[in-house]
Amino acid sequence: MPAIREFVDHQAHKRLPPHTGWLHIFGSLSLIAFGSQVITGILLLVYYRPTPQEAHKSIEFITGEVRFGWLYRQIHA
């Protein structure tokens, strides 16, 4: 753990470049949010069945049986 602590301390005291502004920061956050929606959407697409008969069952399967399925649904929500 000392290596992690050393890395975090080093990164915490780094200064941002002068051209980095709020638009750059919020743009990066928007890109990360969009990317997480795309990735979790693709993961959920593999298991979700959108028919009226199977939709609820597939959600239960994703939440209960798929490894980290509950987490994928929460991130995607």
N, C-alpha and C. Protein backbone atom coordinates (compact mmCIF):
# COMPACT_ATOMS: atom_id res chain seq x y z
N MET A 1 0.79 -1.21 0.00
CA MET A 1 0.00 0.00 0.00
C MET A 1 0.84 1.28 0.00
N PRO A 2 2.09 1.25 0.44
CA PRO A 2 2.87 2.49 0.39
C PRO A 2 3.04 3.01 -1.04
N ALA A 3 3.09 2.12 -2.02
CA ALA A 3 3.25 2.57 -3.40
C ALA A 3 2.01 3.32 -3.87
N ILE A 4 0.84 2.86 -3.46
CA ILE A 4 -0.40 3.55 -3.83
C ILE A 4 -0.46 4.91 -3.15
N ARG A 5 -0.10 4.95 -1.89
CA ARG A 5 -0.11 6.22 -1.14
C ARG A 5 0.85 7.22 -1.77
N GLU A 6 2.01 6.73 -2.16
CA GLU A 6 3.01 7.60 -2.80
C GLU A 6 2.49 8.14 -4.14
N PHE A 7 1.84 7.28 -4.92
CA PHE A 7 1.29 7.70 -6.21
C PHE A 7 0.19 8.75 -6.02
N VAL A 8 -0.70 8.51 -5.06
CA VAL A 8 -1.79 9.46 -4.81
C VAL A 8 -1.25 10.80 -4.33
N ASP A 9 -0.28 10.77 -3.44
CA ASP A 9 0.32 12.02 -2.96
C ASP A 9 0.99 12.79 -4.10
N HIS A 10 1.66 12.07 -4.98
CA HIS A 10 2.32 12.72 -6.11
C HIS A 10 1.29 13.35 -7.04
N GLN A 11 0.20 12.64 -7.33
CA GLN A 11 -0.82 13.15 -8.24
C GLN A 11 -1.61 14.30 -7.62
N ALA A 12 -1.80 14.27 -6.31
CA ALA A 12 -2.59 15.31 -5.64
C ALA A 12 -1.90 16.67 -5.69
N HIS A 13 -0.60 16.69 -5.75
CA HIS A 13 0.14 17.96 -5.73
C HIS A 13 0.54 18.43 -7.12
N LYS A 14 0.13 17.71 -8.15
CA LYS A 14 0.42 18.13 -9.52
C LYS A 14 -0.49 19.30 -9.90
N ARG A 15 0.04 20.26 -10.61
CA ARG A 15 -0.76 21.39 -11.06
C ARG A 15 -1.26 21.12 -12.47
N LEU A 16 -2.45 21.61 -12.75
CA LEU A 16 -3.02 21.47 -14.09
C LEU A 16 -2.37 22.46 -15.03
N PRO A 17 -2.31 22.14 -16.31
CA PRO A 17 -1.78 23.10 -17.28
C PRO A 17 -2.65 24.36 -17.30
N PRO A 18 -2.07 25.51 -17.64
CA PRO A 18 -2.83 26.76 -17.59
C PRO A 18 -4.01 26.82 -18.57
N HIS A 19 -3.96 26.09 -19.67
CA HIS A 19 -5.05 26.13 -20.64
C HIS A 19 -6.25 25.28 -20.23
N THR A 20 -6.14 24.53 -19.14
CA THR A 20 -7.23 23.68 -18.68
C THR A 20 -8.24 24.54 -17.93
N GLY A 21 -9.45 24.59 -18.45
CA GLY A 21 -10.51 25.37 -17.82
C GLY A 21 -11.69 24.49 -17.47
N TRP A 22 -12.75 25.15 -17.00
CA TRP A 22 -13.94 24.41 -16.60
C TRP A 22 -14.60 23.70 -17.77
N LEU A 23 -14.57 24.31 -18.95
CA LEU A 23 -15.16 23.64 -20.12
C LEU A 23 -14.42 22.34 -20.44
N HIS A 24 -13.12 22.35 -20.28
CA HIS A 24 -12.31 21.15 -20.52
C HIS A 24 -12.66 20.07 -19.49
N ILE A 25 -12.79 20.48 -18.25
CA ILE A 25 -13.09 19.53 -17.17
C ILE A 25 -14.48 18.93 -17.35
N PHE A 26 -15.49 19.80 -17.59
CA PHE A 26 -16.85 19.29 -17.75
C PHE A 26 -17.02 18.51 -19.05
N GLY A 27 -16.29 18.88 -20.07
CA GLY A 27 -16.31 18.10 -21.30
C GLY A 27 -15.76 16.70 -21.09
N SER A 28 -14.70 16.61 -20.32
CA SER A 28 -14.12 15.29 -20.01
C SER A 28 -15.09 14.46 -19.18
N LEU A 29 -15.74 15.09 -18.21
CA LEU A 29 -16.73 14.37 -17.39
C LEU A 29 -17.90 13.89 -18.24
N SER A 30 -18.33 14.72 -19.19
CA SER A 30 -19.43 14.32 -20.09
C SER A 30 -19.02 13.13 -20.95
N LEU A 31 -17.80 13.14 -21.43
CA LEU A 31 -17.31 12.04 -22.24
C LEU A 31 -17.23 10.75 -21.42
N ILE A 32 -16.78 10.85 -20.18
CA ILE A 32 -16.72 9.68 -19.31
C ILE A 32 -18.12 9.14 -19.03
N ALA A 33 -19.08 10.04 -18.75
CA ALA A 33 -20.45 9.62 -18.49
C ALA A 33 -21.06 8.95 -19.72
N PHE A 34 -20.85 9.53 -20.89
CA PHE A 34 -21.38 8.94 -22.12
C PHE A 34 -20.74 7.58 -22.38
N GLY A 35 -19.43 7.49 -22.17
CA GLY A 35 -18.73 6.22 -22.37
C GLY A 35 -19.24 5.13 -21.44
N SER A 36 -19.51 5.49 -20.18
CA SER A 36 -20.02 4.49 -19.24
C SER A 36 -21.42 4.02 -19.65
N GLN A 37 -22.24 4.92 -20.20
CA GLN A 37 -23.57 4.53 -20.69
C GLN A 37 -23.46 3.58 -21.87
N VAL A 38 -22.54 3.85 -22.76
CA VAL A 38 -22.36 2.98 -23.93
C VAL A 38 -21.86 1.60 -23.50
N ILE A 39 -20.86 1.57 -22.65
CA ILE A 39 -20.29 0.28 -22.22
C ILE A 39 -21.30 -0.55 -21.45
N THR A 40 -21.98 0.06 -20.46
CA THR A 40 -22.97 -0.70 -19.69
C THR A 40 -24.17 -1.07 -20.56
N GLY A 41 -24.52 -0.22 -21.52
CA GLY A 41 -25.61 -0.56 -22.44
C GLY A 41 -25.29 -1.78 -23.28
N ILE A 42 -24.07 -1.87 -23.74
CA ILE A 42 -23.65 -3.04 -24.52
C ILE A 42 -23.67 -4.29 -23.65
N LEU A 43 -23.20 -4.17 -22.40
CA LEU A 43 -23.21 -5.32 -21.50
C LEU A 43 -24.64 -5.77 -21.20
N LEU A 44 -25.55 -4.82 -21.00
CA LEU A 44 -26.94 -5.18 -20.72
C LEU A 44 -27.65 -5.72 -21.97
N LEU A 45 -27.24 -5.24 -23.13
CA LEU A 45 -27.85 -5.67 -24.39
C LEU A 45 -27.69 -7.18 -24.61
N VAL A 46 -26.64 -7.74 -24.07
CA VAL A 46 -26.39 -9.17 -24.25
C VAL A 46 -27.47 -10.01 -23.56
N TYR A 47 -27.99 -9.55 -22.41
CA TYR A 47 -28.91 -10.36 -21.62
C TYR A 47 -30.36 -9.89 -21.65
N TYR A 48 -30.63 -8.65 -21.99
CA TYR A 48 -31.99 -8.12 -21.91
C TYR A 48 -32.84 -8.57 -23.09
N ARG A 49 -34.06 -9.01 -22.81
CA ARG A 49 -35.02 -9.41 -23.84
C ARG A 49 -36.22 -8.46 -23.74
N PRO A 50 -36.45 -7.61 -24.76
CA PRO A 50 -37.48 -6.58 -24.65
C PRO A 50 -38.91 -7.01 -24.98
N THR A 51 -39.20 -8.28 -24.99
CA THR A 51 -40.57 -8.71 -25.28
C THR A 51 -41.41 -8.61 -24.00
N PRO A 52 -42.72 -8.42 -24.14
CA PRO A 52 -43.57 -8.31 -22.94
C PRO A 52 -43.51 -9.56 -22.05
N GLN A 53 -43.31 -10.71 -22.64
CA GLN A 53 -43.28 -11.94 -21.85
C GLN A 53 -41.95 -12.13 -21.12
N GLU A 54 -40.86 -11.63 -21.68
CA GLU A 54 -39.54 -11.94 -21.12
C GLU A 54 -38.84 -10.76 -20.46
N ALA A 55 -39.37 -9.56 -20.55
CA ALA A 55 -38.67 -8.37 -20.05
C ALA A 55 -38.40 -8.46 -18.54
N HIS A 56 -39.43 -8.76 -17.76
CA HIS A 56 -39.25 -8.81 -16.31
C HIS A 56 -38.31 -9.96 -15.91
N LYS A 57 -38.46 -11.09 -16.55
CA LYS A 57 -37.60 -12.23 -16.25
C LYS A 57 -36.14 -11.93 -16.59
N SER A 58 -35.91 -11.22 -17.69
CA SER A 58 -34.53 -10.91 -18.06
C SER A 58 -33.91 -9.91 -17.08
N ILE A 59 -34.71 -8.97 -16.56
CA ILE A 59 -34.20 -8.04 -15.55
C ILE A 59 -33.85 -8.79 -14.27
N GLU A 60 -34.71 -9.70 -13.86
CA GLU A 60 -34.41 -10.51 -12.68
C GLU A 60 -33.14 -11.34 -12.89
N PHE A 61 -32.99 -11.89 -14.09
CA PHE A 61 -31.80 -12.68 -14.40
C PHE A 61 -30.55 -11.82 -14.35
N ILE A 62 -30.61 -10.63 -14.95
CA ILE A 62 -29.45 -9.73 -14.95
C ILE A 62 -29.09 -9.35 -13.52
N THR A 63 -30.09 -9.01 -12.72
CA THR A 63 -29.83 -8.56 -11.35
C THR A 63 -29.34 -9.70 -10.46
N GLY A 64 -29.91 -10.89 -10.62
CA GLY A 64 -29.60 -11.97 -9.70
C GLY A 64 -28.54 -12.95 -10.14
N GLU A 65 -28.43 -13.21 -11.42
CA GLU A 65 -27.56 -14.28 -11.91
C GLU A 65 -26.29 -13.80 -12.60
N VAL A 66 -26.37 -12.71 -13.33
CA VAL A 66 -25.21 -12.22 -14.08
C VAL A 66 -24.21 -11.61 -13.09
N ARG A 67 -22.96 -11.96 -13.26
CA ARG A 67 -21.93 -11.44 -12.36
C ARG A 67 -21.84 -9.92 -12.52
N PHE A 68 -22.02 -9.21 -11.42
CA PHE A 68 -22.05 -7.75 -11.35
C PHE A 68 -23.17 -7.15 -12.19
N GLY A 69 -24.20 -7.91 -12.50
CA GLY A 69 -25.32 -7.40 -13.27
C GLY A 69 -26.05 -6.27 -12.56
N TRP A 70 -26.20 -6.41 -11.24
CA TRP A 70 -26.84 -5.34 -10.46
C TRP A 70 -26.05 -4.04 -10.58
N LEU A 71 -24.73 -4.14 -10.63
CA LEU A 71 -23.89 -2.95 -10.74
C LEU A 71 -24.01 -2.33 -12.13
N TYR A 72 -24.05 -3.15 -13.17
CA TYR A 72 -24.23 -2.64 -14.53
C TYR A 72 -25.54 -1.88 -14.65
N ARG A 73 -26.61 -2.42 -14.05
CA ARG A 73 -27.91 -1.74 -14.11
C ARG A 73 -27.87 -0.42 -13.36
N GLN A 74 -27.23 -0.39 -12.21
CA GLN A 74 -27.18 0.85 -11.43
C GLN A 74 -26.34 1.92 -12.12
N ILE A 75 -25.25 1.53 -12.73
CA ILE A 75 -24.42 2.50 -13.45
C ILE A 75 -25.17 3.01 -14.67
N HIS A 76 -25.90 2.12 -15.34
CA HIS A 76 -26.60 2.51 -16.56
C HIS A 76 -27.84 3.36 -16.29
N ALA A 77 -28.39 3.27 -15.10
CA ALA A 77 -29.65 3.99 -14.78
C ALA A 77 -29.50 5.48 -14.83
